[in-house]
C-alpha atoms as a PDB file:
ATOM      1  CA  MET A   1      68.677  -4.221 -18.816  1.00  0.00           C
ATOM      2  CA  GLY A   2      68.106  -1.092 -21.739  1.00  0.00           C
ATOM      3  CA  SER A   3      70.562  -0.740 -24.596  1.00  0.00           C
ATOM      4  CA  ALA A   4      71.824   2.506 -22.922  1.00  0.00           C
ATOM      5  CA  THR A   5      72.803   1.147 -19.416  1.00  0.00           C
ATOM      6  CA  VAL A   6      74.764  -2.739 -21.554  1.00  0.00           C
ATOM      7  CA  GLN A   7      76.063   0.964 -23.597  1.00  0.00           C
ATOM      8  CA  ALA A   8      77.017   3.354 -20.510  1.00  0.00           C
ATOM      9  CA  LEU A   9      78.512  -0.745 -18.194  1.00  0.00           C
ATOM     10  CA  VAL A  10      80.482  -1.148 -21.423  1.00  0.00           C
ATOM     11  CA  ALA A  11      82.438   2.984 -20.804  1.00  0.00           C
ATOM     12  CA  SER A  12      82.516   2.530 -17.273  1.00  0.00           C
ATOM     13  CA  SER A  13      84.115  -0.343 -17.061  1.00  0.00           C
ATOM     14  CA  SER A  14      86.695   0.180 -19.651  1.00  0.00           C
ATOM     15  CA  ALA A  15      86.949   3.448 -17.620  1.00  0.00           C
ATOM     16  CA  LEU A  16      88.145   1.215 -14.606  1.00  0.00           C
ATOM     17  CA  THR A  17      90.066  -1.393 -16.728  1.00  0.00           C
ATOM     18  CA  ALA A  18      92.544   1.210 -17.610  1.00  0.00           C
ATOM     19  CA  ALA A  19      92.824   3.377 -14.867  1.00  0.00           C
ATOM     20  CA  GLN A  20      95.943   3.663 -12.463  1.00  0.00           C
ATOM     21  CA  GLY A  21      95.833   3.287  -8.677  1.00  0.00           C
ATOM     22  CA  ILE A  22      92.909   0.647  -8.006  1.00  0.00           C
ATOM     23  CA  THR A  23      93.422  -1.527  -4.554  1.00  0.00           C
ATOM     24  CA  LEU A  24      91.310  -2.310  -1.543  1.00  0.00           C
ATOM     25  CA  ASP A  25      90.431   0.402  -0.120  1.00  0.00           C
ATOM     26  CA  ALA A  26      89.278   2.471  -3.555  1.00  0.00           C
ATOM     27  CA  ALA A  27      87.216  -0.540  -4.216  1.00  0.00           C
ATOM     28  CA  GLY A  28      86.025   0.371  -0.553  1.00  0.00           C
ATOM     29  CA  GLU A  29      85.509   3.989  -1.867  1.00  0.00           C
ATOM     30  CA  LEU A  30      82.981   2.995  -4.807  1.00  0.00           C
ATOM     31  CA  PHE A  31      80.599   0.378  -2.702  1.00  0.00           C
ATOM     32  CA  SER A  32      80.665   3.322  -0.569  1.00  0.00           C
ATOM     33  CA  ALA A  33      79.350   5.273  -3.411  1.00  0.00           C
ATOM     34  CA  THR A  34      77.454   2.358  -4.310  1.00  0.00           C
ATOM     35  CA  ARG A  35      75.392   2.956  -0.385  1.00  0.00           C
ATOM     36  CA  LEU A  36      75.444   6.075  -0.382  1.00  0.00           C
ATOM     37  CA  ILE A  37      73.738   7.197  -3.771  1.00  0.00           C
ATOM     38  CA  GLY A  38      71.364   4.036  -3.327  1.00  0.00           C
ATOM     39  CA  GLU A  39      69.382   5.328  -0.320  1.00  0.00           C
ATOM     40  CA  SER A  40      68.911   8.737  -1.882  1.00  0.00           C
ATOM     41  CA  THR A  41      67.089   8.640  -4.200  1.00  0.00           C
ATOM     42  CA  ALA A  42      67.396  12.448  -5.105  1.00  0.00           C
ATOM     43  CA  LEU A  43      71.120  11.938  -5.623  1.00  0.00           C
ATOM     44  CA  SER A  44      70.558   9.159  -7.930  1.00  0.00           C
ATOM     45  CA  GLY A  45      68.237  10.423  -9.992  1.00  0.00           C
ATOM     46  CA  ALA A  46      70.444  14.014  -9.973  1.00  0.00           C
ATOM     47  CA  LEU A  47      73.049  11.624 -11.167  1.00  0.00           C
ATOM     48  CA  ALA A  48      71.147   9.935 -13.577  1.00  0.00           C
ATOM     49  CA  ASP A  49      69.602  12.639 -15.174  1.00  0.00           C
ATOM     50  CA  SER A  50      70.396  13.094 -18.728  1.00  0.00           C
ATOM     51  CA  ALA A  51      68.985  15.989 -19.395  1.00  0.00           C
ATOM     52  CA  ALA A  52      71.520  17.628 -16.731  1.00  0.00           C
ATOM     53  CA  PRO A  53      74.590  19.306 -18.314  1.00  0.00           C
ATOM     54  CA  ALA A  54      77.253  16.589 -17.771  1.00  0.00           C
ATOM     55  CA  GLU A  55      79.515  19.212 -16.208  1.00  0.00           C
ATOM     56  CA  ALA A  56      76.838  19.055 -13.803  1.00  0.00           C
ATOM     57  CA  ARG A  57      76.895  15.979 -12.952  1.00  0.00           C
ATOM     58  CA  ALA A  58      80.709  15.790 -12.421  1.00  0.00           C
ATOM     59  CA  ALA A  59      79.773  18.418 -10.227  1.00  0.00           C
ATOM     60  CA  LEU A  60      77.281  17.221  -8.019  1.00  0.00           C
ATOM     61  CA  VAL A  61      80.516  14.197  -7.195  1.00  0.00           C
ATOM     62  CA  SER A  62      82.982  16.595  -6.758  1.00  0.00           C
ATOM     63  CA  ARG A  63      80.928  17.645  -4.154  1.00  0.00           C
ATOM     64  CA  VAL A  64      78.829  15.087  -2.661  1.00  0.00           C
ATOM     65  CA  PHE A  65      82.421  12.710  -3.589  1.00  0.00           C
ATOM     66  CA  SER A  66      85.312  15.063  -2.716  1.00  0.00           C
ATOM     67  CA  GLY A  67      86.446  12.516   0.244  1.00  0.00           C
ATOM     68  CA  ALA A  68      87.306  10.128  -2.460  1.00  0.00           C
ATOM     69  CA  SER A  69      90.475   8.841  -4.390  1.00  0.00           C
ATOM     70  CA  ALA A  70      91.132  10.580  -7.641  1.00  0.00           C
ATOM     71  CA  PRO A  71      90.855   7.092  -9.346  1.00  0.00           C
ATOM     72  CA  VAL A  72      87.598   7.043  -7.561  1.00  0.00           C
ATOM     73  CA  GLN A  73      86.376  10.729  -7.960  1.00  0.00           C
ATOM     74  CA  ASP A  74      87.517  10.197 -12.321  1.00  0.00           C
ATOM     75  CA  LEU A  75      85.545   6.743 -12.049  1.00  0.00           C
ATOM     76  CA  LEU A  76      82.433   7.951 -10.600  1.00  0.00           C
ATOM     77  CA  LYS A  77      82.492  11.352 -13.039  1.00  0.00           C
ATOM     78  CA  THR A  78      82.907   9.116 -16.036  1.00  0.00           C
ATOM     79  CA  VAL A  79      79.885   6.284 -14.524  1.00  0.00           C
ATOM     80  CA  VAL A  80      77.704   9.551 -14.237  1.00  0.00           C
ATOM     81  CA  ALA A  81      79.291  10.989 -17.662  1.00  0.00           C
ATOM     82  CA  GLN A  82      77.234   7.991 -19.275  1.00  0.00           C
ATOM     83  CA  ARG A  83      72.952   7.740 -20.202  1.00  0.00           C
ATOM     84  CA  TRP A  84      72.039   5.390 -17.570  1.00  0.00           C
ATOM     85  CA  SER A  85      68.054   3.704 -18.499  1.00  0.00           C
ATOM     86  CA  SER A  86      67.189   4.558 -15.412  1.00  0.00           C
ATOM     87  CA  ALA A  87      68.627   5.838 -11.805  1.00  0.00           C
ATOM     88  CA  ALA A  88      68.414   1.923 -10.698  1.00  0.00           C
ATOM     89  CA  ASP A  89      70.823   0.756 -12.803  1.00  0.00           C
ATOM     90  CA  LEU A  90      73.261   3.496 -12.415  1.00  0.00           C
ATOM     91  CA  VAL A  91      73.353   2.385  -9.122  1.00  0.00           C
ATOM     92  CA  ASP A  92      73.721  -1.365  -9.910  1.00  0.00           C
ATOM     93  CA  GLY A  93      76.418   0.016 -12.465  1.00  0.00           C
ATOM     94  CA  VAL A  94      78.547   1.018  -9.204  1.00  0.00           C
ATOM     95  CA  GLU A  95      78.283  -1.349  -7.279  1.00  0.00           C
ATOM     96  CA  GLU A  96      79.452  -4.071 -10.065  1.00  0.00           C
ATOM     97  CA  LEU A  97      81.931  -1.520 -10.907  1.00  0.00           C
ATOM     98  CA  ALA A  98      83.011  -1.926  -6.481  1.00  0.00           C
ATOM     99  CA  VAL A  99      83.329  -5.668  -7.779  1.00  0.00           C
ATOM    100  CA  ARG A 100      84.978  -5.256 -10.618  1.00  0.00           C
ATOM    101  CA  ALA A 101      87.787  -2.997  -8.772  1.00  0.00           C
ATOM    102  CA  THR A 102      87.942  -5.483  -5.526  1.00  0.00           C
ATOM    103  CA  ALA A 103      89.057  -8.250  -8.680  1.00  0.00           C
ATOM    104  CA  ILE A 104      91.750  -5.857 -10.068  1.00  0.00           C
ATOM    105  CA  ALA A 105      92.531  -5.092  -6.856  1.00  0.00           C
ATOM    106  CA  ALA A 106      93.472  -8.868  -5.205  1.00  0.00           C
ATOM    107  CA  PRO A 107      94.639 -10.783  -8.570  1.00  0.00           C
ATOM    108  CA  ASP A 108      95.522 -14.040  -6.641  1.00  0.00           C
ATOM    109  CA  VAL A 109      92.457 -14.339  -4.689  1.00  0.00           C
ATOM    110  CA  ASP A 110      89.842 -17.008  -5.545  1.00  0.00           C
ATOM    111  CA  LEU A 111      87.190 -14.868  -5.022  1.00  0.00           C
ATOM    112  CA  GLU A 112      84.297 -16.960  -6.900  1.00  0.00           C
ATOM    113  CA  GLY A 113      85.288 -19.636  -4.746  1.00  0.00           C
ATOM    114  CA  GLU A 114      85.355 -18.716  -1.633  1.00  0.00           C
ATOM    115  CA  LEU A 115      82.068 -16.721  -3.160  1.00  0.00           C
ATOM    116  CA  PHE A 116      80.387 -19.724  -3.606  1.00  0.00           C
ATOM    117  CA  SER A 117      81.183 -20.916  -0.505  1.00  0.00           C
ATOM    118  CA  VAL A 118      79.145 -18.090   1.376  1.00  0.00           C
ATOM    119  CA  SER A 119      76.661 -19.001  -0.930  1.00  0.00           C
ATOM    120  CA  ARG A 120      76.234 -22.572  -0.339  1.00  0.00           C
ATOM    121  CA  LEU A 121      76.532 -21.461   3.738  1.00  0.00           C
ATOM    122  CA  VAL A 122      73.579 -18.900   3.006  1.00  0.00           C
ATOM    123  CA  ALA A 123      71.547 -22.151   0.768  1.00  0.00           C
ATOM    124  CA  ASP A 124      72.451 -24.370   3.718  1.00  0.00           C
ATOM    125  CA  ASN A 125      71.139 -22.145   6.463  1.00  0.00           C
ATOM    126  CA  ALA A 126      67.574 -20.491   6.345  1.00  0.00           C
ATOM    127  CA  GLU A 127      67.455 -18.389   9.075  1.00  0.00           C
ATOM    128  CA  LEU A 128      70.457 -16.961   8.035  1.00  0.00           C
ATOM    129  CA  GLU A 129      69.625 -16.153   4.528  1.00  0.00           C
ATOM    130  CA  LEU A 130      65.765 -14.861   6.318  1.00  0.00           C
ATOM    131  CA  ALA A 131      68.303 -12.677   8.631  1.00  0.00           C
ATOM    132  CA  LEU A 132      70.551 -11.419   5.780  1.00  0.00           C
ATOM    133  CA  GLY A 133      67.799 -10.849   3.289  1.00  0.00           C
ATOM    134  CA  SER A 134      65.506  -9.237   6.355  1.00  0.00           C
ATOM    135  CA  ARG A 135      64.164  -5.405   5.844  1.00  0.00           C
ATOM    136  CA  LEU A 136      64.824  -5.131   9.331  1.00  0.00           C
ATOM    137  CA  GLY A 137      68.030  -4.681  10.664  1.00  0.00           C
ATOM    138  CA  GLU A 138      70.639  -2.239  10.209  1.00  0.00           C
ATOM    139  CA  GLY A 139      72.957  -2.668   6.977  1.00  0.00           C
ATOM    140  CA  GLU A 140      76.209  -3.088   9.541  1.00  0.00           C
ATOM    141  CA  GLY A 141      74.243  -5.400  11.773  1.00  0.00           C
ATOM    142  CA  LYS A 142      74.837  -7.841   8.771  1.00  0.00           C
ATOM    143  CA  ALA A 143      77.821  -6.911   7.983  1.00  0.00           C
ATOM    144  CA  ALA A 144      79.019  -8.109  11.521  1.00  0.00           C
ATOM    145  CA  LEU A 145      76.868 -11.550  11.198  1.00  0.00           C
ATOM    146  CA  VAL A 146      78.836 -12.114   8.084  1.00  0.00           C
ATOM    147  CA  ARG A 147      81.914 -11.294   9.645  1.00  0.00           C
ATOM    148  CA  LYS A 148      81.465 -13.282  12.909  1.00  0.00           C
ATOM    149  CA  LEU A 149      80.389 -16.669  10.420  1.00  0.00           C
ATOM    150  CA  VAL A 150      82.848 -17.000   8.138  1.00  0.00           C
ATOM    151  CA  GLY A 151      84.962 -13.467   8.200  1.00  0.00           C
ATOM    152  CA  ALA A 152      88.035 -15.820   9.353  1.00  0.00           C
ATOM    153  CA  ARG A 153      87.952 -18.211   6.457  1.00  0.00           C
ATOM    154  CA  LEU A 154      87.432 -15.648   3.907  1.00  0.00           C
ATOM    155  CA  ASP A 155      89.970 -13.211   1.786  1.00  0.00           C
ATOM    156  CA  PRO A 156      89.858  -9.351   3.227  1.00  0.00           C
ATOM    157  CA  ALA A 157      88.124  -8.635  -0.428  1.00  0.00           C
ATOM    158  CA  THR A 158      86.021 -11.208  -0.225  1.00  0.00           C
ATOM    159  CA  THR A 159      84.406 -10.221   3.100  1.00  0.00           C
ATOM    160  CA  LEU A 160      84.842  -6.964   1.163  1.00  0.00           C
ATOM    161  CA  ILE A 161      82.094  -8.084  -0.856  1.00  0.00           C
ATOM    162  CA  VAL A 162      80.282  -9.431   0.798  1.00  0.00           C
ATOM    163  CA  THR A 163      80.027  -7.107   3.423  1.00  0.00           C
ATOM    164  CA  SER A 164      78.886  -4.701   1.094  1.00  0.00           C
ATOM    165  CA  LEU A 165      76.476  -6.703  -0.915  1.00  0.00           C
ATOM    166  CA  VAL A 166      73.983  -7.801   2.331  1.00  0.00           C
ATOM    167  CA  ARG A 167      74.241  -4.098   4.069  1.00  0.00           C
ATOM    168  CA  GLN A 168      72.679  -2.641   0.930  1.00  0.00           C
ATOM    169  CA  PRO A 169      70.723  -5.915  -0.583  1.00  0.00           C
ATOM    170  CA  ARG A 170      67.864  -3.163  -2.355  1.00  0.00           C
ATOM    171  CA  GLY A 171      65.117  -6.361  -2.156  1.00  0.00           C
ATOM    172  CA  ARG A 172      67.314  -9.012  -3.861  1.00  0.00           C
ATOM    173  CA  ARG A 173      67.589 -12.506  -2.165  1.00  0.00           C
ATOM    174  CA  VAL A 174      71.304 -12.912  -0.727  1.00  0.00           C
ATOM    175  CA  ARG A 175      71.835 -15.927  -2.938  1.00  0.00           C
ATOM    176  CA  ARG A 176      71.388 -13.930  -6.368  1.00  0.00           C
ATOM    177  CA  LEU A 177      73.504 -11.004  -4.879  1.00  0.00           C
ATOM    178  CA  LEU A 178      76.608 -13.282  -3.857  1.00  0.00           C
ATOM    179  CA  SER A 179      75.771 -15.508  -7.551  1.00  0.00           C
ATOM    180  CA  ARG A 180      75.568 -11.935  -9.189  1.00  0.00           C
ATOM    181  CA  ALA A 181      79.452 -10.871  -7.611  1.00  0.00           C
ATOM    182  CA  MET A 182      80.730 -14.116  -9.027  1.00  0.00           C
ATOM    183  CA  ARG A 183      79.424 -13.434 -12.698  1.00  0.00           C
ATOM    184  CA  ILE A 184      81.327  -9.576 -12.321  1.00  0.00           C
ATOM    185  CA  VAL A 185      84.509 -11.231 -11.157  1.00  0.00           C
ATOM    186  CA  SER A 186      84.674 -14.004 -14.092  1.00  0.00           C
ATOM    187  CA  ALA A 187      83.302 -11.226 -16.198  1.00  0.00           C
ATOM    188  CA  GLN A 188      86.752  -9.504 -14.635  1.00  0.00           C
ATOM    189  CA  ARG A 189      88.848 -11.793 -15.625  1.00  0.00           C
ATOM    190  CA  ASP A 190      87.323 -12.929 -18.543  1.00  0.00           C
ATOM    191  CA  ARG A 191      87.021 -16.545 -17.572  1.00  0.00           C
ATOM    192  CA  ILE A 192      83.809 -18.645 -16.728  1.00  0.00           C
ATOM    193  CA  VAL A 193      81.659 -20.133 -13.993  1.00  0.00           C
ATOM    194  CA  ALA A 194      81.144 -23.690 -14.422  1.00  0.00           C
ATOM    195  CA  THR A 195      78.986 -25.863 -11.191  1.00  0.00           C
ATOM    196  CA  VAL A 196      80.188 -29.241 -10.738  1.00  0.00           C
ATOM    197  CA  ARG A 197      77.784 -31.349  -8.900  1.00  0.00           C
ATOM    198  CA  THR A 198      79.178 -34.995  -8.231  1.00  0.00           C
ATOM    199  CA  THR A 199      79.204 -37.711  -4.761  1.00  0.00           C
ATOM    200  CA  ALA A 200      82.115 -37.364  -4.291  1.00  0.00           C
ATOM    201  CA  PRO A 201      85.268 -34.369  -3.863  1.00  0.00           C
ATOM    202  CA  LEU A 202      87.606 -34.375  -6.717  1.00  0.00           C
ATOM    203  CA  SER A 203      91.114 -34.735  -6.702  1.00  0.00           C
ATOM    204  CA  ALA A 204      93.797 -31.859  -8.657  1.00  0.00           C
ATOM    205  CA  PRO A 205      94.197 -33.520 -11.103  1.00  0.00           C
ATOM    206  CA  GLN A 206      90.445 -34.753 -11.544  1.00  0.00           C
ATOM    207  CA  ARG A 207      89.405 -31.391 -11.225  1.00  0.00           C
ATOM    208  CA  ALA A 208      92.727 -29.707 -13.728  1.00  0.00           C
ATOM    209  CA  ARG A 209      91.795 -31.868 -16.262  1.00  0.00           C
ATOM    210  CA  LEU A 210      87.323 -31.499 -15.978  1.00  0.00           C
ATOM    211  CA  GLY A 211      89.131 -27.572 -16.559  1.00  0.00           C
ATOM    212  CA  ALA A 212      90.994 -28.413 -19.489  1.00  0.00           C
ATOM    213  CA  VAL A 213      88.053 -29.774 -20.628  1.00  0.00           C
ATOM    214  CA  LEU A 214      85.861 -27.046 -20.451  1.00  0.00           C
ATOM    215  CA  THR A 215      88.445 -24.342 -21.145  1.00  0.00           C
ATOM    216  CA  GLY A 216      88.015 -26.415 -24.695  1.00  0.00           C
ATOM    217  CA  ARG A 217      84.788 -26.004 -24.943  1.00  0.00           C
ATOM    218  CA  TYR A 218      84.154 -22.867 -24.676  1.00  0.00           C
ATOM    219  CA  GLY A 219      87.323 -21.288 -25.213  1.00  0.00           C
ATOM    220  CA  ARG A 220      87.852 -18.821 -21.926  1.00  0.00           C
ATOM    221  CA  GLN A 221      89.045 -20.046 -18.914  1.00  0.00           C
ATOM    222  CA  VAL A 222      87.193 -21.884 -16.160  1.00  0.00           C
ATOM    223  CA  ALA A 223      86.459 -20.572 -12.474  1.00  0.00           C
ATOM    224  CA  LEU A 224      85.098 -24.680 -11.018  1.00  0.00           C
ATOM    225  CA  ASN A 225      82.584 -24.160  -7.999  1.00  0.00           C
ATOM    226  CA  GLU A 226      82.046 -27.882  -6.444  1.00  0.00           C
ATOM    227  CA  VAL A 227      78.530 -28.875  -4.769  1.00  0.00           C
ATOM    228  CA  ILE A 228      79.407 -32.660  -3.125  1.00  0.00           C
ATOM    229  CA  ASP A 229      75.526 -34.117  -4.215  1.00  0.00           C
ATOM    230  CA  SER A 230      74.477 -37.890  -3.025  1.00  0.00           C
ATOM    231  CA  SER A 231      71.837 -37.695  -6.219  1.00  0.00           C
ATOM    232  CA  VAL A 232      75.113 -37.331  -8.603  1.00  0.00           C
ATOM    233  CA  VAL A 233      74.778 -41.268  -8.744  1.00  0.00           C
ATOM    234  CA  GLY A 234      78.409 -41.367 -10.157  1.00  0.00           C
ATOM    235  CA  GLY A 235      79.781 -38.952 -13.329  1.00  0.00           C
ATOM    236  CA  LEU A 236      79.394 -35.156 -12.576  1.00  0.00           C
ATOM    237  CA  ARG A 237      76.221 -32.459 -13.465  1.00  0.00           C
ATOM    238  CA  VAL A 238      77.725 -29.230 -14.888  1.00  0.00           C
ATOM    239  CA  GLN A 239      76.708 -26.553 -15.237  1.00  0.00           C
ATOM    240  CA  VAL A 240      78.237 -23.495 -17.339  1.00  0.00           C
ATOM    241  CA  ALA A 241      75.435 -20.421 -17.410  1.00  0.00           C
ATOM    242  CA  ASP A 242      72.033 -22.440 -18.502  1.00  0.00           C
ATOM    243  CA  ASP A 243      74.806 -24.812 -20.184  1.00  0.00           C
ATOM    244  CA  VAL A 244      74.321 -28.376 -18.240  1.00  0.00           C
ATOM    245  CA  ILE A 245      76.247 -31.290 -19.652  1.00  0.00           C
ATOM    246  CA  ASP A 246      74.994 -34.071 -17.193  1.00  0.00           C
ATOM    247  CA  GLY A 247      76.923 -37.122 -17.917  1.00  0.00           C
ATOM    248  CA  SER A 248      75.856 -39.159 -14.767  1.00  0.00           C
ATOM    249  CA  ILE A 249      74.855 -42.965 -14.010  1.00  0.00           C
ATOM    250  CA  SER A 250      71.892 -41.280 -12.825  1.00  0.00           C
ATOM    251  CA  ALA A 251      70.652 -39.048 -15.900  1.00  0.00           C
ATOM    252  CA  ARG A 252      71.422 -41.816 -17.705  1.00  0.00           C
ATOM    253  CA  LEU A 253      68.932 -43.961 -16.310  1.00  0.00           C
ATOM    254  CA  ALA A 254      66.795 -41.077 -16.066  1.00  0.00           C
ATOM    255  CA  ASP A 255      66.897 -41.375 -20.006  1.00  0.00           C
ATOM    256  CA  LEU A 256      66.914 -45.769 -20.622  1.00  0.00           C
ATOM    257  CA  ARG A 257      63.711 -45.471 -18.412  1.00  0.00           C
ATOM    258  CA  GLN A 258      61.745 -42.607 -20.289  1.00  0.00           C
ATOM    259  CA  LYS A 259      63.196 -44.654 -23.687  1.00  0.00           C
ATOM    260  CA  LEU A 260      61.247 -48.028 -22.289  1.00  0.00           C
ATOM    261  CA  ALA A 261      58.528 -45.437 -21.329  1.00  0.00           C
ATOM    262  CA  GLY A 262      57.748 -44.425 -24.541  1.00  0.00           C
END
């Protein structure tokens, strides 16, 4: 990601946070805009062309997205007014705004947890991952498959994110898309995601204590994603980004074996 894109994302995200009237429908409009821009190299190129006057790019937004709500049109005009490192980055940027808008519109929904559950489902089903990630097949068919498998178990906000992402993966693996969406939601809510591996489900008090410990360590609220893993013998293995905290017996035994071998 180029420095121009980083600055463009900051400006666009700030505009979204300050915007009024961000509903789930507005988030859906942003996802639709992502698909439309992503499907047309001519449109994405024109909107990302920093050599063109900003007024011309804003006028193009007004023509192409005339049916969008006023908040969404204003956000898209802010997006195209920025300087992006590439047209692909602009598409990714609009997609990120769509995910952030969903998090704003559904503040009480455990988006990270539900997205993680879909990610685990995909990880455990190679055929499903292949079907959703294949370049063959229509996007709407993939979205319908998601609704059939997990739609009833997900909040509409989560369903919007998942179905929107599988409609247009743009060459990315489904689990990568879901992981990115989780990170974006957490960033919008100013918290981090911790993946906890354990041999048995944590009780509510255990989750509360672990969350408090991690919040104290990282200085931010923590969303816990739990994975039952039989290879973890006692204790916990916690991963926050690239930071791994391994307090399992298996890890201590492996460390002891290494010391004995040395």
